[in-house]
């Protein structure tokens, strides 16, 4: 089995005490040998996340959040 897991994230203020951001990305891949199958079985998961916060008044914040997830298995359902 072979496993690759690459991650990255970052964030911080855009405008001090008023507007903040955060972003994250992940690429997770596995390759497994399956007995009787002619090539490695590949699975790939990709995740992306973004967030934006703003201070709209004393004690109140507004937050926006976005996420994207994809699972890729090109040989899923294959037989001998």
PDB file of N, CA and C in Angstrom:
ATOM      1  N   UNK A   1       0.850  -1.179   0.000  1.00  0.00           N
ATOM      2  CA  UNK A   1       0.000   0.000   0.000  1.00  0.00           C
ATOM      3  C   UNK A   1       0.896   1.244   0.000  1.00  0.00           C
ATOM      4  N   UNK A   2       0.493   2.225  -0.748  1.00  0.00           N
ATOM      5  CA  UNK A   2       1.200   3.506  -0.807  1.00  0.00           C
ATOM      6  C   UNK A   2       0.206   4.604  -0.436  1.00  0.00           C
ATOM      7  N   UNK A   3       0.658   5.538   0.396  1.00  0.00           N
ATOM      8  CA  UNK A   3      -0.211   6.594   0.889  1.00  0.00           C
ATOM      9  C   UNK A   3       0.486   7.934   0.753  1.00  0.00           C
ATOM     10  N   UNK A   4      -0.207   8.917   0.179  1.00  0.00           N
ATOM     11  CA  UNK A   4       0.269  10.305   0.113  1.00  0.00           C
ATOM     12  C   UNK A   4      -0.812  11.189   0.723  1.00  0.00           C
ATOM     13  N   UNK A   5      -0.397  12.072   1.612  1.00  0.00           N
ATOM     14  CA  UNK A   5      -1.345  12.984   2.258  1.00  0.00           C
ATOM     15  C   UNK A   5      -0.705  14.364   2.321  1.00  0.00           C
ATOM     16  N   UNK A   6      -1.114  15.244   1.408  1.00  0.00           N
ATOM     17  CA  UNK A   6      -0.585  16.602   1.359  1.00  0.00           C
ATOM     18  C   UNK A   6      -1.646  17.566   1.872  1.00  0.00           C
ATOM     19  N   UNK A   7      -1.243  18.439   2.804  1.00  0.00           N
ATOM     20  CA  UNK A   7      -2.154  19.404   3.418  1.00  0.00           C
ATOM     21  C   UNK A   7      -1.514  20.783   3.436  1.00  0.00           C
ATOM     22  N   UNK A   8      -2.339  21.781   3.358  1.00  0.00           N
ATOM     23  CA  UNK A   8      -1.865  23.149   3.521  1.00  0.00           C
ATOM     24  C   UNK A   8      -3.013  24.019   3.985  1.00  0.00           C
ATOM     25  N   UNK A   9      -2.718  24.963   4.855  1.00  0.00           N
ATOM     26  CA  UNK A   9      -3.738  25.907   5.281  1.00  0.00           C
ATOM     27  C   UNK A   9      -3.087  27.211   5.684  1.00  0.00           C
ATOM     28  N   UNK A  10      -3.894  28.245   5.734  1.00  0.00           N
ATOM     29  CA  UNK A  10      -3.403  29.560   6.120  1.00  0.00           C
ATOM     30  C   UNK A  10      -4.578  30.452   6.470  1.00  0.00           C
ATOM     31  N   UNK A  11      -4.263  31.543   7.075  1.00  0.00           N
ATOM     32  CA  UNK A  11      -5.309  32.496   7.437  1.00  0.00           C
ATOM     33  C   UNK A  11      -4.728  33.662   8.199  1.00  0.00           C
ATOM     34  N   UNK A  12      -5.583  34.626   8.459  1.00  0.00           N
ATOM     35  CA  UNK A  12      -5.152  35.791   9.220  1.00  0.00           C
ATOM     36  C   UNK A  12      -6.019  36.995   8.921  1.00  0.00           C
ATOM     37  N   UNK A  13      -5.648  38.112   9.479  1.00  0.00           N
ATOM     38  CA  UNK A  13      -6.448  39.323   9.266  1.00  0.00           C
ATOM     39  C   UNK A  13      -6.196  39.945   7.889  1.00  0.00           C
ATOM     40  N   UNK A  14      -7.290  40.443   7.297  1.00  0.00           N
ATOM     41  CA  UNK A  14      -7.183  41.260   6.085  1.00  0.00           C
ATOM     42  C   UNK A  14      -7.197  42.722   6.521  1.00  0.00           C
ATOM     43  N   UNK A  15      -8.150  43.042   7.398  1.00  0.00           N
ATOM     44  CA  UNK A  15      -8.221  44.362   8.035  1.00  0.00           C
ATOM     45  C   UNK A  15      -8.228  44.096   9.536  1.00  0.00           C
ATOM     46  N   UNK A  16      -7.276  44.644  10.238  1.00  0.00           N
ATOM     47  CA  UNK A  16      -7.110  44.363  11.666  1.00  0.00           C
ATOM     48  C   UNK A  16      -8.400  44.621  12.449  1.00  0.00           C
ATOM     49  N   UNK A  17      -8.788  43.627  13.244  1.00  0.00           N
ATOM     50  CA  UNK A  17      -9.980  43.672  14.103  1.00  0.00           C
ATOM     51  C   UNK A  17     -11.294  43.848  13.346  1.00  0.00           C
ATOM     52  N   UNK A  18     -11.297  43.637  12.018  1.00  0.00           N
ATOM     53  CA  UNK A  18     -12.539  43.804  11.237  1.00  0.00           C
ATOM     54  C   UNK A  18     -12.825  42.658  10.264  1.00  0.00           C
ATOM     55  N   UNK A  19     -11.771  42.117   9.605  1.00  0.00           N
ATOM     56  CA  UNK A  19     -11.985  41.147   8.538  1.00  0.00           C
ATOM     57  C   UNK A  19     -10.875  40.102   8.560  1.00  0.00           C
ATOM     58  N   UNK A  20     -11.267  38.802   8.609  1.00  0.00           N
ATOM     59  CA  UNK A  20     -10.310  37.701   8.682  1.00  0.00           C
ATOM     60  C   UNK A  20     -10.624  36.671   7.605  1.00  0.00           C
ATOM     61  N   UNK A  21      -9.615  35.897   7.219  1.00  0.00           N
ATOM     62  CA  UNK A  21      -9.789  34.826   6.232  1.00  0.00           C
ATOM     63  C   UNK A  21      -9.097  33.558   6.701  1.00  0.00           C
ATOM     64  N   UNK A  22      -9.532  32.427   6.142  1.00  0.00           N
ATOM     65  CA  UNK A  22      -8.897  31.134   6.371  1.00  0.00           C
ATOM     66  C   UNK A  22      -9.114  30.273   5.138  1.00  0.00           C
ATOM     67  N   UNK A  23      -8.105  29.500   4.756  1.00  0.00           N
ATOM     68  CA  UNK A  23      -8.227  28.580   3.633  1.00  0.00           C
ATOM     69  C   UNK A  23      -7.441  27.311   3.901  1.00  0.00           C
ATOM     70  N   UNK A  24      -7.925  26.199   3.366  1.00  0.00           N
ATOM     71  CA  UNK A  24      -7.282  24.913   3.577  1.00  0.00           C
ATOM     72  C   UNK A  24      -7.477  24.038   2.340  1.00  0.00           C
ATOM     73  N   UNK A  25      -6.461  23.215   2.031  1.00  0.00           N
ATOM     74  CA  UNK A  25      -6.553  22.261   0.924  1.00  0.00           C
ATOM     75  C   UNK A  25      -5.892  20.953   1.346  1.00  0.00           C
ATOM     76  N   UNK A  26      -6.472  19.842   0.887  1.00  0.00           N
ATOM     77  CA  UNK A  26      -5.919  18.528   1.203  1.00  0.00           C
ATOM     78  C   UNK A  26      -6.063  17.620  -0.010  1.00  0.00           C
ATOM     79  N   UNK A  27      -5.001  16.865  -0.286  1.00  0.00           N
ATOM     80  CA  UNK A  27      -4.999  15.867  -1.349  1.00  0.00           C
ATOM     81  C   UNK A  27      -4.506  14.563  -0.731  1.00  0.00           C
ATOM     82  N   UNK A  28      -5.404  13.582  -0.622  1.00  0.00           N
ATOM     83  CA  UNK A  28      -5.129  12.316   0.060  1.00  0.00           C
ATOM     84  C   UNK A  28      -5.283  11.192  -0.955  1.00  0.00           C
ATOM     85  N   UNK A  29      -4.202  10.450  -1.222  1.00  0.00           N
ATOM     86  CA  UNK A  29      -4.215   9.400  -2.233  1.00  0.00           C
ATOM     87  C   UNK A  29      -3.686   8.093  -1.656  1.00  0.00           C
ATOM     88  N   UNK A  30      -4.371   6.988  -1.982  1.00  0.00           N
ATOM     89  CA  UNK A  30      -3.885   5.656  -1.624  1.00  0.00           C
ATOM     90  C   UNK A  30      -3.826   4.805  -2.883  1.00  0.00           C
ATOM     91  N   UNK A  31      -2.831   3.936  -2.932  1.00  0.00           N
ATOM     92  CA  UNK A  31      -2.697   2.926  -3.978  1.00  0.00           C
ATOM     93  C   UNK A  31      -2.575   1.578  -3.271  1.00  0.00           C
ATOM     94  N   UNK A  32      -3.490   0.669  -3.576  1.00  0.00           N
ATOM     95  CA  UNK A  32      -3.496  -0.644  -2.923  1.00  0.00           C
ATOM     96  C   UNK A  32      -3.483  -1.745  -3.967  1.00  0.00           C
ATOM     97  N   UNK A  33      -2.772  -2.809  -3.658  1.00  0.00           N
ATOM     98  CA  UNK A  33      -2.785  -3.983  -4.530  1.00  0.00           C
ATOM     99  C   UNK A  33      -3.965  -4.860  -4.149  1.00  0.00           C
ATOM    100  N   UNK A  34      -4.727  -5.263  -5.158  1.00  0.00           N
ATOM    101  CA  UNK A  34      -5.875  -6.139  -4.955  1.00  0.00           C
ATOM    102  C   UNK A  34      -5.567  -7.450  -5.675  1.00  0.00           C
ATOM    103  N   UNK A  35      -5.661  -8.560  -4.964  1.00  0.00           N
ATOM    104  CA  UNK A  35      -5.355  -9.867  -5.539  1.00  0.00           C
ATOM    105  C   UNK A  35      -6.292 -10.147  -6.718  1.00  0.00           C
ATOM    106  N   UNK A  36      -5.701 -10.498  -7.854  1.00  0.00           N
ATOM    107  CA  UNK A  36      -6.480 -10.816  -9.045  1.00  0.00           C
ATOM    108  C   UNK A  36      -6.824  -9.621  -9.915  1.00  0.00           C
ATOM    109  N   UNK A  37      -6.476  -8.407  -9.480  1.00  0.00           N
ATOM    110  CA  UNK A  37      -6.737  -7.200 -10.272  1.00  0.00           C
ATOM    111  C   UNK A  37      -5.433  -6.766 -10.923  1.00  0.00           C
ATOM    112  N   UNK A  38      -5.440  -6.432 -12.224  1.00  0.00           N
ATOM    113  CA  UNK A  38      -4.190  -6.211 -12.955  1.00  0.00           C
ATOM    114  C   UNK A  38      -3.401  -4.957 -12.569  1.00  0.00           C
ATOM    115  N   UNK A  39      -3.986  -4.019 -11.880  1.00  0.00           N
ATOM    116  CA  UNK A  39      -3.241  -2.813 -11.496  1.00  0.00           C
ATOM    117  C   UNK A  39      -3.655  -2.363 -10.104  1.00  0.00           C
ATOM    118  N   UNK A  40      -2.901  -1.410  -9.559  1.00  0.00           N
ATOM    119  CA  UNK A  40      -3.211  -0.891  -8.223  1.00  0.00           C
ATOM    120  C   UNK A  40      -4.576  -0.207  -8.208  1.00  0.00           C
ATOM    121  N   UNK A  41      -5.281  -0.361  -7.084  1.00  0.00           N
ATOM    122  CA  UNK A  41      -6.562   0.314  -6.885  1.00  0.00           C
ATOM    123  C   UNK A  41      -6.275   1.686  -6.282  1.00  0.00           C
ATOM    124  N   UNK A  42      -6.679   2.728  -6.994  1.00  0.00           N
ATOM    125  CA  UNK A  42      -6.384   4.097  -6.574  1.00  0.00           C
ATOM    126  C   UNK A  42      -7.626   4.750  -5.970  1.00  0.00           C
ATOM    127  N   UNK A  43      -7.428   5.421  -4.849  1.00  0.00           N
ATOM    128  CA  UNK A  43      -8.454   6.262  -4.234  1.00  0.00           C
ATOM    129  C   UNK A  43      -7.841   7.633  -4.004  1.00  0.00           C
ATOM    130  N   UNK A  44      -8.604   8.670  -4.333  1.00  0.00           N
ATOM    131  CA  UNK A  44      -8.126  10.032  -4.133  1.00  0.00           C
ATOM    132  C   UNK A  44      -9.252  10.862  -3.532  1.00  0.00           C
ATOM    133  N   UNK A  45      -8.941  11.544  -2.419  1.00  0.00           N
ATOM    134  CA  UNK A  45      -9.883  12.455  -1.781  1.00  0.00           C
ATOM    135  C   UNK A  45      -9.298  13.860  -1.838  1.00  0.00           C
ATOM    136  N   UNK A  46     -10.118  14.808  -2.287  1.00  0.00           N
ATOM    137  CA  UNK A  46      -9.684  16.212  -2.315  1.00  0.00           C
ATOM    138  C   UNK A  46     -10.679  17.049  -1.522  1.00  0.00           C
ATOM    139  N   UNK A  47     -10.148  17.871  -0.646  1.00  0.00           N
ATOM    140  CA  UNK A  47     -10.964  18.719   0.209  1.00  0.00           C
ATOM    141  C   UNK A  47     -10.433  20.146   0.158  1.00  0.00           C
ATOM    142  N   UNK A  48     -11.331  21.086  -0.078  1.00  0.00           N
ATOM    143  CA  UNK A  48     -10.985  22.506  -0.070  1.00  0.00           C
ATOM    144  C   UNK A  48     -11.963  23.225   0.854  1.00  0.00           C
ATOM    145  N   UNK A  49     -11.449  24.154   1.643  1.00  0.00           N
ATOM    146  CA  UNK A  49     -12.267  24.898   2.590  1.00  0.00           C
ATOM    147  C   UNK A  49     -11.846  26.364   2.580  1.00  0.00           C
ATOM    148  N   UNK A  50     -12.825  27.253   2.664  1.00  0.00           N
ATOM    149  CA  UNK A  50     -12.549  28.693   2.768  1.00  0.00           C
ATOM    150  C   UNK A  50     -13.540  29.312   3.750  1.00  0.00           C
ATOM    151  N   UNK A  51     -13.054  30.298   4.474  1.00  0.00           N
ATOM    152  CA  UNK A  51     -13.912  30.986   5.441  1.00  0.00           C
ATOM    153  C   UNK A  51     -13.526  32.463   5.491  1.00  0.00           C
ATOM    154  N   UNK A  52     -14.540  33.308   5.645  1.00  0.00           N
ATOM    155  CA  UNK A  52     -14.345  34.744   5.761  1.00  0.00           C
ATOM    156  C   UNK A  52     -15.212  35.240   6.910  1.00  0.00           C
ATOM    157  N   UNK A  53     -14.616  35.978   7.840  1.00  0.00           N
ATOM    158  CA  UNK A  53     -15.334  36.543   8.987  1.00  0.00           C
ATOM    159  C   UNK A  53     -15.180  38.061   8.973  1.00  0.00           C
ATOM    160  N   UNK A  54     -16.249  38.740   9.353  1.00  0.00           N
ATOM    161  CA  UNK A  54     -16.163  40.187   9.518  1.00  0.00           C
ATOM    162  C   UNK A  54     -16.903  40.609  10.792  1.00  0.00           C
ATOM    163  N   UNK A  55     -16.384  41.625  11.419  1.00  0.00           N
ATOM    164  CA  UNK A  55     -17.000  42.201  12.619  1.00  0.00           C
ATOM    165  C   UNK A  55     -17.994  43.248  12.138  1.00  0.00           C
ATOM    166  N   UNK A  56     -19.305  43.022  12.363  1.00  0.00           N
ATOM    167  CA  UNK A  56     -20.325  43.940  11.856  1.00  0.00           C
ATOM    168  C   UNK A  56     -20.848  44.910  12.915  1.00  0.00           C
ATOM    169  N   UNK A  57     -20.449  44.722  14.112  1.00  0.00           N
ATOM    170  CA  UNK A  57     -20.869  45.596  15.206  1.00  0.00           C
ATOM    171  C   UNK A  57     -20.249  45.080  16.484  1.00  0.00           C
ATOM    172  N   UNK A  58     -20.449  45.828  17.530  1.00  0.00           N
ATOM    173  CA  UNK A  58     -19.887  45.415  18.804  1.00  0.00           C
ATOM    174  C   UNK A  58     -20.536  44.103  19.257  1.00  0.00           C
ATOM    175  N   UNK A  59     -19.744  43.041  19.354  1.00  0.00           N
ATOM    176  CA  UNK A  59     -20.244  41.751  19.797  1.00  0.00           C
ATOM    177  C   UNK A  59     -20.931  40.922  18.713  1.00  0.00           C
ATOM    178  N   UNK A  60     -20.912  41.376  17.450  1.00  0.00           N
ATOM    179  CA  UNK A  60     -21.567  40.634  16.365  1.00  0.00           C
ATOM    180  C   UNK A  60     -20.593  40.396  15.221  1.00  0.00           C
ATOM    181  N   UNK A  61     -20.601  39.164  14.729  1.00  0.00           N
ATOM    182  CA  UNK A  61     -19.777  38.801  13.578  1.00  0.00           C
ATOM    183  C   UNK A  61     -20.638  38.167  12.509  1.00  0.00           C
ATOM    184  N   UNK A  62     -20.208  38.313  11.269  1.00  0.00           N
ATOM    185  CA  UNK A  62     -20.830  37.652  10.135  1.00  0.00           C
ATOM    186  C   UNK A  62     -19.772  36.733   9.535  1.00  0.00           C
ATOM    187  N   UNK A  63     -20.158  35.488   9.270  1.00  0.00           N
ATOM    188  CA  UNK A  63     -19.202  34.498   8.799  1.00  0.00           C
ATOM    189  C   UNK A  63     -19.736  33.807   7.552  1.00  0.00           C
ATOM    190  N   UNK A  64     -18.858  33.613   6.555  1.00  0.00           N
ATOM    191  CA  UNK A  64     -19.190  32.856   5.359  1.00  0.00           C
ATOM    192  C   UNK A  64     -18.253  31.661   5.259  1.00  0.00           C
ATOM    193  N   UNK A  65     -18.795  30.505   4.866  1.00  0.00           N
ATOM    194  CA  UNK A  65     -18.017  29.278   4.843  1.00  0.00           C
ATOM    195  C   UNK A  65     -18.314  28.527   3.549  1.00  0.00           C
ATOM    196  N   UNK A  66     -17.272  27.984   2.899  1.00  0.00           N
ATOM    197  CA  UNK A  66     -17.413  27.197   1.676  1.00  0.00           C
ATOM    198  C   UNK A  66     -16.530  25.965   1.796  1.00  0.00           C
ATOM    199  N   UNK A  67     -17.049  24.819   1.365  1.00  0.00           N
ATOM    200  CA  UNK A  67     -16.251  23.598   1.362  1.00  0.00           C
ATOM    201  C   UNK A  67     -16.563  22.794   0.105  1.00  0.00           C
ATOM    202  N   UNK A  68     -15.548  22.115  -0.415  1.00  0.00           N
ATOM    203  CA  UNK A  68     -15.686  21.265  -1.596  1.00  0.00           C
ATOM    204  C   UNK A  68     -14.967  19.959  -1.299  1.00  0.00           C
ATOM    205  N   UNK A  69     -15.642  18.845  -1.537  1.00  0.00           N
ATOM    206  CA  UNK A  69     -15.065  17.525  -1.305  1.00  0.00           C
ATOM    207  C   UNK A  69     -15.322  16.656  -2.534  1.00  0.00           C
ATOM    208  N   UNK A  70     -14.299  15.936  -2.980  1.00  0.00           N
ATOM    209  CA  UNK A  70     -14.449  15.042  -4.119  1.00  0.00           C
ATOM    210  C   UNK A  70     -13.720  13.732  -3.844  1.00  0.00           C
ATOM    211  N   UNK A  71     -14.401  12.622  -4.153  1.00  0.00           N
ATOM    212  CA  UNK A  71     -13.801  11.298  -4.033  1.00  0.00           C
ATOM    213  C   UNK A  71     -13.645  10.741  -5.443  1.00  0.00           C
ATOM    214  N   UNK A  72     -12.434  10.299  -5.780  1.00  0.00           N
ATOM    215  CA  UNK A  72     -12.126   9.808  -7.115  1.00  0.00           C
ATOM    216  C   UNK A  72     -11.596   8.386  -7.008  1.00  0.00           C
ATOM    217  N   UNK A  73     -12.316   7.433  -7.577  1.00  0.00           N
ATOM    218  CA  UNK A  73     -11.889   6.032  -7.621  1.00  0.00           C
ATOM    219  C   UNK A  73     -12.145   5.516  -9.037  1.00  0.00           C
ATOM    220  N   UNK A  74     -11.158   5.658  -9.935  1.00  0.00           N
ATOM    221  CA  UNK A  74     -11.384   5.323 -11.336  1.00  0.00           C
ATOM    222  C   UNK A  74     -11.694   3.852 -11.595  1.00  0.00           C
ATOM    223  N   UNK A  75     -11.284   2.930 -10.727  1.00  0.00           N
ATOM    224  CA  UNK A  75     -11.522   1.505 -10.959  1.00  0.00           C
ATOM    225  C   UNK A  75     -12.638   0.932 -10.087  1.00  0.00           C
ATOM    226  N   UNK A  76     -13.420   1.784  -9.486  1.00  0.00           N
ATOM    227  CA  UNK A  76     -14.495   1.317  -8.617  1.00  0.00           C
ATOM    228  C   UNK A  76     -15.513   0.513  -9.436  1.00  0.00           C
ATOM    229  N   UNK A  77     -15.890  -0.613  -8.924  1.00  0.00           N
ATOM    230  CA  UNK A  77     -16.872  -1.443  -9.598  1.00  0.00           C
ATOM    231  C   UNK A  77     -16.264  -2.358 -10.663  1.00  0.00           C
ATOM    232  N   UNK A  78     -14.949  -2.327 -10.824  1.00  0.00           N
ATOM    233  CA  UNK A  78     -14.309  -3.174 -11.838  1.00  0.00           C
ATOM    234  C   UNK A  78     -14.282  -4.625 -11.381  1.00  0.00           C
ATOM    235  N   UNK A  79     -14.284  -5.509 -12.326  1.00  0.00           N
ATOM    236  CA  UNK A  79     -14.206  -6.941 -12.019  1.00  0.00           C
ATOM    237  C   UNK A  79     -13.016  -7.556 -12.704  1.00  0.00           C
ATOM    238  N   UNK A  80     -12.865  -8.847 -12.549  1.00  0.00           N
ATOM    239  CA  UNK A  80     -11.759  -9.553 -13.190  1.00  0.00           C
ATOM    240  C   UNK A  80     -11.987  -9.567 -14.683  1.00  0.00           C
TER     241      UNK A  80
END
